Every structure is written in structure tokens, then in C-alpha cells.
């Protein structure tokens, strides 16, 4: 009984952390996409897909995700040093992504070639796409206007459920046709590009002279991120508890 309680407590902790990461990332991406001109269903679906892919990579392939994140941080810092006061979101993302691809290729070259991280990331992408569409349908049908807290909690709950219910068969379906040698570079490149975009936001918060009139827009995005992280944490905790009680146990999940 005590072991089961401990397993549930650990599962809730992991789901809370994953939900907070997903919720904060999702709301940050959503706000940035809105500022970039996307409207309607686009920022919701694109934000959910990107956040779900990134969180799935961290959840299922932590060593590779850390390699990509480290490469993204180092490349972004180097870009900030070289570029001076001219900082482009597109350029810093591309530089970070290229660094992540190289780091992922080295990771695979060391002998850890495995297509599973890419399959898990694709599972996250599909779960994010489904959750984004579901939220669009609900919000459009019911004509609701919800804040970042509720939006993040709802998307995290749907993504977590879809990921857990469909992970096994999607990974099995991908087995054999996904290239082992390309999986690590692609996943690391994705993680690094997201890190590059995050560094762009943080640079805008700490050095306002770099962005000028964009400073107020960046501040607007950053104000919503903690609320999204809190909503994601709540949605993740509720989803994790329900799935644990249904028999989808965290200790049965394979980590690569």
C-alpha cells in the first residue's frame, strides 16, 4: 500500500512538472503567434502542436532533449554576442536549430541511434493537433472567451490523455520505417529552436534597448506565461491522477 501511494505521488509530481512546462510554453507560443499576426484557430493549434512535441521529447527522451537544449542555449548566447543590438527571432531560431541538429547528429554518432525519440515526438505532435482542434471546436461552438489559465489547463489535460492513450500503438506503428540516424538530430533541432525563441524573449525582458517598441509586446507575453504554467500544472495533476487510477501507470512508461 505504501509503495502504491509513493508511486502515485511520484506520478503526480512528474505530471505537475510536465504540465507546468507545457502550459507555460503553450501560452508563451500562443501569445507570440498572435502578435506575429496569426488569428482564429491557427495560434491555438500551432501552439499546442509545438508545445506538445517539445514536452513529449523531454518526457520520453530526456538525455537527447538536454543535448538539444544545451546546444540551443550556447548557440543563442553566441548569436546575441555577435549580433549586437540587431536581434531577429527568425535568425536566432535558425541558428539554434542548426546547432541542435549538429549536436543531435553527434549524439547519434556516439552509438545511441534510436528512432523511438522521434516516434514519441510525433505522438506528441498528433496529441497536440488533436487537443488544439478540440479546443477550437469547444470555444467556437460554445462561443466562450477563456483566459490563459483555463486554456492551458484544458489543452494539457487533452494532450496528456491523448498522448497516454495512443503512445503505444503510434510508437509501434512507427517502428521499422523511421530512420534511426535522423531521429536524434531532428528531435534535438526542435528542442534547440524552441530554446532559441525562449532566449529571444528573455533577452527582450532584460535588455529593452535591443527591441525598442517591441518591449511592451514582449512584456505582455511574459505576463501570461506564469498563469499558463499554473493552469498547466493543475491540468497535468488532474489528468495524471485520473490516468493513474485507470491503470496507465508512469512506471510502465519507457524512457529513452
C-alpha atoms as a PDB file:
ATOM      1  CA  UNK A   1       0.000   0.000   0.000  1.00  0.00           C
ATOM      2  CA  UNK A   2       2.801   2.391   0.902  1.00  0.00           C
ATOM      3  CA  UNK A   3       4.643   1.593  -2.348  1.00  0.00           C
ATOM      4  CA  UNK A   4       1.482   2.291  -4.333  1.00  0.00           C
ATOM      5  CA  UNK A   5       0.982   5.618  -2.573  1.00  0.00           C
ATOM      6  CA  UNK A   6       4.600   6.538  -3.293  1.00  0.00           C
ATOM      7  CA  UNK A   7       4.172   5.619  -6.966  1.00  0.00           C
ATOM      8  CA  UNK A   8       1.070   7.819  -7.229  1.00  0.00           C
ATOM      9  CA  UNK A   9       2.859  10.716  -5.507  1.00  0.00           C
ATOM     10  CA  UNK A  10       5.816  10.461  -7.910  1.00  0.00           C
ATOM     11  CA  UNK A  11       3.431  10.227 -10.867  1.00  0.00           C
ATOM     12  CA  UNK A  12       1.599  13.368  -9.758  1.00  0.00           C
ATOM     13  CA  UNK A  13       4.902  15.214  -9.342  1.00  0.00           C
ATOM     14  CA  UNK A  14       6.009  14.275 -12.856  1.00  0.00           C
ATOM     15  CA  UNK A  15       2.644  15.216 -14.345  1.00  0.00           C
ATOM     16  CA  UNK A  16       2.675  18.550 -12.491  1.00  0.00           C
ATOM     17  CA  UNK A  17       6.154  19.390 -13.771  1.00  0.00           C
ATOM     18  CA  UNK A  18       5.320  18.291 -17.321  1.00  0.00           C
ATOM     19  CA  UNK A  19       2.047  20.231 -17.173  1.00  0.00           C
ATOM     20  CA  UNK A  20       3.778  23.371 -15.934  1.00  0.00           C
ATOM     21  CA  UNK A  21       6.384  23.128 -18.709  1.00  0.00           C
ATOM     22  CA  UNK A  22       3.715  22.508 -21.326  1.00  0.00           C
ATOM     23  CA  UNK A  23       1.311  25.160 -20.043  1.00  0.00           C
ATOM     24  CA  UNK A  24       3.911  27.909 -19.838  1.00  0.00           C
ATOM     25  CA  UNK A  25       5.371  27.028 -23.224  1.00  0.00           C
ATOM     26  CA  UNK A  26       1.952  26.767 -24.854  1.00  0.00           C
ATOM     27  CA  UNK A  27       0.698  30.134 -23.589  1.00  0.00           C
ATOM     28  CA  UNK A  28       4.002  31.797 -24.485  1.00  0.00           C
ATOM     29  CA  UNK A  29       3.839  30.402 -28.021  1.00  0.00           C
ATOM     30  CA  UNK A  30       0.153  31.279 -28.317  1.00  0.00           C
ATOM     31  CA  UNK A  31       0.764  34.915 -27.381  1.00  0.00           C
ATOM     32  CA  UNK A  32       3.798  35.219 -29.672  1.00  0.00           C
ATOM     33  CA  UNK A  33       1.869  33.731 -32.611  1.00  0.00           C
ATOM     34  CA  UNK A  34      -0.982  36.169 -32.030  1.00  0.00           C
ATOM     35  CA  UNK A  35       1.491  39.054 -32.018  1.00  0.00           C
ATOM     36  CA  UNK A  36       3.008  37.730 -35.245  1.00  0.00           C
ATOM     37  CA  UNK A  37      -0.376  38.009 -36.962  1.00  0.00           C
ATOM     38  CA  UNK A  38      -1.944  34.561 -36.681  1.00  0.00           C
ATOM     39  CA  UNK A  39      -5.625  34.527 -35.786  1.00  0.00           C
ATOM     40  CA  UNK A  40      -8.593  32.218 -35.323  1.00  0.00           C
ATOM     41  CA  UNK A  41      -7.652  28.560 -34.923  1.00  0.00           C
ATOM     42  CA  UNK A  42      -4.055  28.991 -36.061  1.00  0.00           C
ATOM     43  CA  UNK A  43      -2.275  30.169 -32.870  1.00  0.00           C
ATOM     44  CA  UNK A  44      -4.161  27.645 -30.734  1.00  0.00           C
ATOM     45  CA  UNK A  45      -3.394  24.632 -32.934  1.00  0.00           C
ATOM     46  CA  UNK A  46       0.185  25.624 -33.825  1.00  0.00           C
ATOM     47  CA  UNK A  47       0.969  26.480 -30.203  1.00  0.00           C
ATOM     48  CA  UNK A  48      -0.499  23.202 -28.930  1.00  0.00           C
ATOM     49  CA  UNK A  49       1.378  21.127 -31.536  1.00  0.00           C
ATOM     50  CA  UNK A  50       4.738  22.787 -30.863  1.00  0.00           C
ATOM     51  CA  UNK A  51       4.401  22.671 -27.087  1.00  0.00           C
ATOM     52  CA  UNK A  52       3.221  19.044 -27.154  1.00  0.00           C
ATOM     53  CA  UNK A  53       6.111  17.957 -29.379  1.00  0.00           C
ATOM     54  CA  UNK A  54       8.644  19.663 -27.124  1.00  0.00           C
ATOM     55  CA  UNK A  55       7.162  18.319 -23.895  1.00  0.00           C
ATOM     56  CA  UNK A  56       6.922  14.802 -25.350  1.00  0.00           C
ATOM     57  CA  UNK A  57      10.623  14.924 -26.212  1.00  0.00           C
ATOM     58  CA  UNK A  58      11.536  15.932 -22.649  1.00  0.00           C
ATOM     59  CA  UNK A  59       9.112  13.403 -21.171  1.00  0.00           C
ATOM     60  CA  UNK A  60      10.323  10.452 -23.231  1.00  0.00           C
ATOM     61  CA  UNK A  61      13.914  11.218 -24.261  1.00  0.00           C
ATOM     62  CA  UNK A  62      15.414  13.353 -21.509  1.00  0.00           C
ATOM     63  CA  UNK A  63      19.147  12.840 -22.363  1.00  0.00           C
ATOM     64  CA  UNK A  64      18.610  13.789 -26.006  1.00  0.00           C
ATOM     65  CA  UNK A  65      16.354  16.705 -25.049  1.00  0.00           C
ATOM     66  CA  UNK A  66      19.033  18.023 -22.705  1.00  0.00           C
ATOM     67  CA  UNK A  67      21.612  17.794 -25.503  1.00  0.00           C
ATOM     68  CA  UNK A  68      19.341  19.825 -27.784  1.00  0.00           C
ATOM     69  CA  UNK A  69      18.540  22.354 -25.054  1.00  0.00           C
ATOM     70  CA  UNK A  70      22.220  22.845 -24.223  1.00  0.00           C
ATOM     71  CA  UNK A  71      23.100  23.332 -27.886  1.00  0.00           C
ATOM     72  CA  UNK A  72      20.259  25.827 -28.243  1.00  0.00           C
ATOM     73  CA  UNK A  73      21.379  27.859 -25.223  1.00  0.00           C
ATOM     74  CA  UNK A  74      25.019  28.005 -26.343  1.00  0.00           C
ATOM     75  CA  UNK A  75      24.124  28.898 -29.939  1.00  0.00           C
ATOM     76  CA  UNK A  76      21.662  31.573 -28.806  1.00  0.00           C
ATOM     77  CA  UNK A  77      24.192  33.182 -26.472  1.00  0.00           C
ATOM     78  CA  UNK A  78      26.782  33.195 -29.260  1.00  0.00           C
ATOM     79  CA  UNK A  79      24.233  34.825 -31.584  1.00  0.00           C
ATOM     80  CA  UNK A  80      23.415  37.502 -29.010  1.00  0.00           C
ATOM     81  CA  UNK A  81      27.106  38.306 -28.579  1.00  0.00           C
ATOM     82  CA  UNK A  82      27.791  38.506 -32.318  1.00  0.00           C
ATOM     83  CA  UNK A  83      24.607  40.271 -33.452  1.00  0.00           C
ATOM     84  CA  UNK A  84      24.886  43.211 -31.061  1.00  0.00           C
ATOM     85  CA  UNK A  85      21.672  45.243 -30.964  1.00  0.00           C
ATOM     86  CA  UNK A  86      20.068  43.665 -34.041  1.00  0.00           C
ATOM     87  CA  UNK A  87      18.247  40.542 -32.873  1.00  0.00           C
ATOM     88  CA  UNK A  88      15.910  38.638 -35.188  1.00  0.00           C
ATOM     89  CA  UNK A  89      13.566  35.939 -33.907  1.00  0.00           C
ATOM     90  CA  UNK A  90      13.886  34.052 -37.192  1.00  0.00           C
ATOM     91  CA  UNK A  91      17.682  34.154 -37.205  1.00  0.00           C
ATOM     92  CA  UNK A  92      18.183  33.162 -33.578  1.00  0.00           C
ATOM     93  CA  UNK A  93      15.747  30.273 -34.030  1.00  0.00           C
ATOM     94  CA  UNK A  94      17.510  29.061 -37.173  1.00  0.00           C
ATOM     95  CA  UNK A  95      20.954  29.338 -35.568  1.00  0.00           C
ATOM     96  CA  UNK A  96      19.778  27.411 -32.511  1.00  0.00           C
ATOM     97  CA  UNK A  97      18.067  24.774 -34.678  1.00  0.00           C
ATOM     98  CA  UNK A  98      21.231  24.261 -36.737  1.00  0.00           C
ATOM     99  CA  UNK A  99      23.260  23.837 -33.568  1.00  0.00           C
ATOM    100  CA  UNK A 100      20.715  21.345 -32.266  1.00  0.00           C
ATOM    101  CA  UNK A 101      20.864  19.336 -35.485  1.00  0.00           C
ATOM    102  CA  UNK A 102      24.652  19.123 -35.214  1.00  0.00           C
ATOM    103  CA  UNK A 103      24.522  18.157 -31.533  1.00  0.00           C
ATOM    104  CA  UNK A 104      21.864  15.540 -32.241  1.00  0.00           C
ATOM    105  CA  UNK A 105      23.953  14.100 -35.080  1.00  0.00           C
ATOM    106  CA  UNK A 106      26.913  13.798 -32.689  1.00  0.00           C
ATOM    107  CA  UNK A 107      24.626  12.175 -30.101  1.00  0.00           C
ATOM    108  CA  UNK A 108      23.583   9.576 -32.694  1.00  0.00           C
ATOM    109  CA  UNK A 109      27.175   9.117 -33.894  1.00  0.00           C
ATOM    110  CA  UNK A 110      28.259   8.064 -30.390  1.00  0.00           C
ATOM    111  CA  UNK A 111      26.214   4.910 -30.881  1.00  0.00           C
ATOM    112  CA  UNK A 112      22.866   5.953 -29.428  1.00  0.00           C
ATOM    113  CA  UNK A 113      20.871   5.725 -32.640  1.00  0.00           C
ATOM    114  CA  UNK A 114      17.240   5.095 -31.809  1.00  0.00           C
ATOM    115  CA  UNK A 115      14.099   6.079 -33.687  1.00  0.00           C
ATOM    116  CA  UNK A 116      11.928   5.999 -30.560  1.00  0.00           C
ATOM    117  CA  UNK A 117      12.537   9.668 -29.547  1.00  0.00           C
ATOM    118  CA  UNK A 118      11.232  10.789 -32.937  1.00  0.00           C
ATOM    119  CA  UNK A 119       8.240   8.452 -32.643  1.00  0.00           C
ATOM    120  CA  UNK A 120       7.443   9.850 -29.192  1.00  0.00           C
ATOM    121  CA  UNK A 121       7.773  13.394 -30.533  1.00  0.00           C
ATOM    122  CA  UNK A 122       5.417  12.566 -33.406  1.00  0.00           C
ATOM    123  CA  UNK A 123       2.980  11.158 -30.848  1.00  0.00           C
ATOM    124  CA  UNK A 124       3.138  14.469 -29.017  1.00  0.00           C
ATOM    125  CA  UNK A 125       2.584  16.325 -32.291  1.00  0.00           C
ATOM    126  CA  UNK A 126      -0.557  14.316 -33.062  1.00  0.00           C
ATOM    127  CA  UNK A 127      -1.832  14.714 -29.495  1.00  0.00           C
ATOM    128  CA  UNK A 128      -1.226  18.471 -29.676  1.00  0.00           C
ATOM    129  CA  UNK A 129      -3.007  18.687 -33.027  1.00  0.00           C
ATOM    130  CA  UNK A 130      -5.998  16.808 -31.657  1.00  0.00           C
ATOM    131  CA  UNK A 131      -6.100  18.890 -28.488  1.00  0.00           C
ATOM    132  CA  UNK A 132      -5.820  22.140 -30.429  1.00  0.00           C
ATOM    133  CA  UNK A 133      -8.673  21.191 -32.735  1.00  0.00           C
ATOM    134  CA  UNK A 134     -10.790  20.041 -29.782  1.00  0.00           C
ATOM    135  CA  UNK A 135     -10.271  23.366 -28.003  1.00  0.00           C
ATOM    136  CA  UNK A 136     -11.101  25.289 -31.178  1.00  0.00           C
ATOM    137  CA  UNK A 137     -14.348  23.332 -31.599  1.00  0.00           C
ATOM    138  CA  UNK A 138     -15.344  23.802 -27.952  1.00  0.00           C
ATOM    139  CA  UNK A 139     -14.545  27.510 -27.849  1.00  0.00           C
ATOM    140  CA  UNK A 140     -16.217  28.166 -31.213  1.00  0.00           C
ATOM    141  CA  UNK A 141     -19.328  26.065 -30.576  1.00  0.00           C
ATOM    142  CA  UNK A 142     -19.945  27.414 -27.095  1.00  0.00           C
ATOM    143  CA  UNK A 143     -18.735  30.927 -28.024  1.00  0.00           C
ATOM    144  CA  UNK A 144     -16.517  31.087 -24.959  1.00  0.00           C
ATOM    145  CA  UNK A 145     -13.787  33.586 -24.136  1.00  0.00           C
ATOM    146  CA  UNK A 146     -11.346  31.936 -21.725  1.00  0.00           C
ATOM    147  CA  UNK A 147      -8.159  33.181 -20.126  1.00  0.00           C
ATOM    148  CA  UNK A 148      -4.705  31.608 -20.288  1.00  0.00           C
ATOM    149  CA  UNK A 149      -5.197  29.638 -17.049  1.00  0.00           C
ATOM    150  CA  UNK A 150      -8.265  27.734 -18.272  1.00  0.00           C
ATOM    151  CA  UNK A 151      -6.900  27.397 -21.798  1.00  0.00           C
ATOM    152  CA  UNK A 152      -3.617  25.903 -20.605  1.00  0.00           C
ATOM    153  CA  UNK A 153      -5.320  23.549 -18.153  1.00  0.00           C
ATOM    154  CA  UNK A 154      -7.710  22.310 -20.841  1.00  0.00           C
ATOM    155  CA  UNK A 155      -5.052  21.784 -23.501  1.00  0.00           C
ATOM    156  CA  UNK A 156      -2.702  19.999 -21.065  1.00  0.00           C
ATOM    157  CA  UNK A 157      -5.498  17.673 -19.939  1.00  0.00           C
ATOM    158  CA  UNK A 158      -6.471  16.754 -23.508  1.00  0.00           C
ATOM    159  CA  UNK A 159      -2.885  16.370 -24.727  1.00  0.00           C
ATOM    160  CA  UNK A 160      -1.901  14.254 -21.723  1.00  0.00           C
ATOM    161  CA  UNK A 161      -4.865  11.943 -22.215  1.00  0.00           C
ATOM    162  CA  UNK A 162      -4.383  11.580 -25.971  1.00  0.00           C
ATOM    163  CA  UNK A 163      -0.642  11.004 -25.571  1.00  0.00           C
ATOM    164  CA  UNK A 164      -1.032   8.336 -22.908  1.00  0.00           C
ATOM    165  CA  UNK A 165      -3.849   6.503 -24.700  1.00  0.00           C
ATOM    166  CA  UNK A 166      -2.180   6.482 -28.127  1.00  0.00           C
ATOM    167  CA  UNK A 167       1.537   6.366 -27.328  1.00  0.00           C
ATOM    168  CA  UNK A 168       1.963   2.588 -27.531  1.00  0.00           C
ATOM    169  CA  UNK A 169       0.311   1.937 -30.877  1.00  0.00           C
ATOM    170  CA  UNK A 170       1.811   5.013 -32.578  1.00  0.00           C
ATOM    171  CA  UNK A 171       5.333   4.084 -31.450  1.00  0.00           C
ATOM    172  CA  UNK A 172       4.748   0.518 -32.621  1.00  0.00           C
ATOM    173  CA  UNK A 173       3.410   1.743 -35.978  1.00  0.00           C
ATOM    174  CA  UNK A 174       6.487   3.944 -36.456  1.00  0.00           C
ATOM    175  CA  UNK A 175       8.870   1.098 -35.666  1.00  0.00           C
ATOM    176  CA  UNK A 176      10.835  -0.004 -38.694  1.00  0.00           C
ATOM    177  CA  UNK A 177      10.309   2.943 -41.036  1.00  0.00           C
ATOM    178  CA  UNK A 178      11.612   5.919 -39.067  1.00  0.00           C
ATOM    179  CA  UNK A 179      15.370   6.348 -39.745  1.00  0.00           C
ATOM    180  CA  UNK A 180      17.421   5.772 -36.598  1.00  0.00           C
ATOM    181  CA  UNK A 181      20.196   8.108 -37.734  1.00  0.00           C
ATOM    182  CA  UNK A 182      17.863  11.079 -38.322  1.00  0.00           C
ATOM    183  CA  UNK A 183      15.764  10.774 -35.173  1.00  0.00           C
ATOM    184  CA  UNK A 184      18.263  12.339 -32.759  1.00  0.00           C
ATOM    185  CA  UNK A 185      19.197  15.335 -34.977  1.00  0.00           C
ATOM    186  CA  UNK A 186      15.556  16.178 -35.716  1.00  0.00           C
ATOM    187  CA  UNK A 187      14.440  15.991 -32.094  1.00  0.00           C
ATOM    188  CA  UNK A 188      17.483  17.905 -30.817  1.00  0.00           C
ATOM    189  CA  UNK A 189      16.969  20.539 -33.526  1.00  0.00           C
ATOM    190  CA  UNK A 190      13.341  21.009 -32.480  1.00  0.00           C
ATOM    191  CA  UNK A 191      14.276  21.433 -28.819  1.00  0.00           C
ATOM    192  CA  UNK A 192      17.091  23.838 -29.674  1.00  0.00           C
ATOM    193  CA  UNK A 193      14.845  26.029 -31.845  1.00  0.00           C
ATOM    194  CA  UNK A 194      12.303  26.381 -29.035  1.00  0.00           C
ATOM    195  CA  UNK A 195      15.122  27.265 -26.642  1.00  0.00           C
ATOM    196  CA  UNK A 196      16.353  29.884 -29.121  1.00  0.00           C
ATOM    197  CA  UNK A 197      12.922  31.506 -29.202  1.00  0.00           C
ATOM    198  CA  UNK A 198      12.832  31.475 -25.383  1.00  0.00           C
ATOM    199  CA  UNK A 199      16.248  33.165 -25.222  1.00  0.00           C
ATOM    200  CA  UNK A 200      14.937  35.832 -27.624  1.00  0.00           C
ATOM    201  CA  UNK A 201      12.087  36.544 -25.220  1.00  0.00           C
ATOM    202  CA  UNK A 202      14.369  36.623 -22.179  1.00  0.00           C
ATOM    203  CA  UNK A 203      16.773  38.961 -23.939  1.00  0.00           C
ATOM    204  CA  UNK A 204      13.876  41.288 -24.664  1.00  0.00           C
ATOM    205  CA  UNK A 205      12.922  41.289 -20.991  1.00  0.00           C
ATOM    206  CA  UNK A 206      16.407  42.047 -19.668  1.00  0.00           C
ATOM    207  CA  UNK A 207      17.703  44.406 -22.382  1.00  0.00           C
ATOM    208  CA  UNK A 208      14.888  46.695 -23.563  1.00  0.00           C
ATOM    209  CA  UNK A 209      17.174  48.742 -25.813  1.00  0.00           C
ATOM    210  CA  UNK A 210      17.548  45.741 -28.092  1.00  0.00           C
ATOM    211  CA  UNK A 211      13.889  45.733 -29.047  1.00  0.00           C
ATOM    212  CA  UNK A 212      12.657  49.290 -28.621  1.00  0.00           C
ATOM    213  CA  UNK A 213       8.926  49.397 -29.334  1.00  0.00           C
ATOM    214  CA  UNK A 214       8.690  45.599 -29.133  1.00  0.00           C
ATOM    215  CA  UNK A 215       9.440  45.703 -25.407  1.00  0.00           C
ATOM    216  CA  UNK A 216       5.811  46.230 -24.415  1.00  0.00           C
ATOM    217  CA  UNK A 217       4.695  43.329 -26.607  1.00  0.00           C
ATOM    218  CA  UNK A 218       7.286  41.005 -25.075  1.00  0.00           C
ATOM    219  CA  UNK A 219       6.253  42.085 -21.579  1.00  0.00           C
ATOM    220  CA  UNK A 220       2.673  41.211 -22.486  1.00  0.00           C
ATOM    221  CA  UNK A 221       3.717  37.693 -23.471  1.00  0.00           C
ATOM    222  CA  UNK A 222       5.826  37.164 -20.353  1.00  0.00           C
ATOM    223  CA  UNK A 223       2.983  38.267 -18.074  1.00  0.00           C
ATOM    224  CA  UNK A 224       0.821  35.402 -19.322  1.00  0.00           C
ATOM    225  CA  UNK A 225       3.435  32.630 -19.046  1.00  0.00           C
ATOM    226  CA  UNK A 226       3.230  32.072 -15.226  1.00  0.00           C
ATOM    227  CA  UNK A 227      -0.560  31.867 -15.433  1.00  0.00           C
ATOM    228  CA  UNK A 228      -0.279  29.301 -18.226  1.00  0.00           C
ATOM    229  CA  UNK A 229       2.268  27.299 -16.239  1.00  0.00           C
ATOM    230  CA  UNK A 230      -0.022  27.247 -13.197  1.00  0.00           C
ATOM    231  CA  UNK A 231      -3.004  26.175 -15.296  1.00  0.00           C
ATOM    232  CA  UNK A 232      -0.903  23.502 -16.987  1.00  0.00           C
ATOM    233  CA  UNK A 233       0.254  22.219 -13.608  1.00  0.00           C
ATOM    234  CA  UNK A 234      -3.353  21.871 -12.419  1.00  0.00           C
ATOM    235  CA  UNK A 235      -4.444  20.208 -15.663  1.00  0.00           C
ATOM    236  CA  UNK A 236      -1.468  17.855 -15.554  1.00  0.00           C
ATOM    237  CA  UNK A 237      -2.107  16.863 -11.935  1.00  0.00           C
ATOM    238  CA  UNK A 238      -5.790  16.118 -12.566  1.00  0.00           C
ATOM    239  CA  UNK A 239      -5.049  14.155 -15.742  1.00  0.00           C
ATOM    240  CA  UNK A 240      -2.192  12.219 -14.163  1.00  0.00           C
ATOM    241  CA  UNK A 241      -4.325  11.205 -11.182  1.00  0.00           C
ATOM    242  CA  UNK A 242      -7.214  10.059 -13.382  1.00  0.00           C
ATOM    243  CA  UNK A 243      -4.932   8.061 -15.708  1.00  0.00           C
ATOM    244  CA  UNK A 244      -3.112   6.525 -12.744  1.00  0.00           C
ATOM    245  CA  UNK A 245      -6.404   5.354 -11.264  1.00  0.00           C
ATOM    246  CA  UNK A 246      -7.399   3.970 -14.686  1.00  0.00           C
ATOM    247  CA  UNK A 247      -4.250   1.840 -14.790  1.00  0.00           C
ATOM    248  CA  UNK A 248      -1.993   3.943 -17.015  1.00  0.00           C
ATOM    249  CA  UNK A 249       0.969   3.937 -14.666  1.00  0.00           C
ATOM    250  CA  UNK A 250       4.038   6.114 -15.032  1.00  0.00           C
ATOM    251  CA  UNK A 251       6.384   3.292 -14.027  1.00  0.00           C
ATOM    252  CA  UNK A 252       5.262   1.371 -17.120  1.00  0.00           C
ATOM    253  CA  UNK A 253       6.402   4.182 -19.421  1.00  0.00           C
ATOM    254  CA  UNK A 254       9.643   3.586 -21.302  1.00  0.00           C
ATOM    255  CA  UNK A 255      12.180   6.425 -21.174  1.00  0.00           C
ATOM    256  CA  UNK A 256      14.871   6.575 -23.864  1.00  0.00           C
END
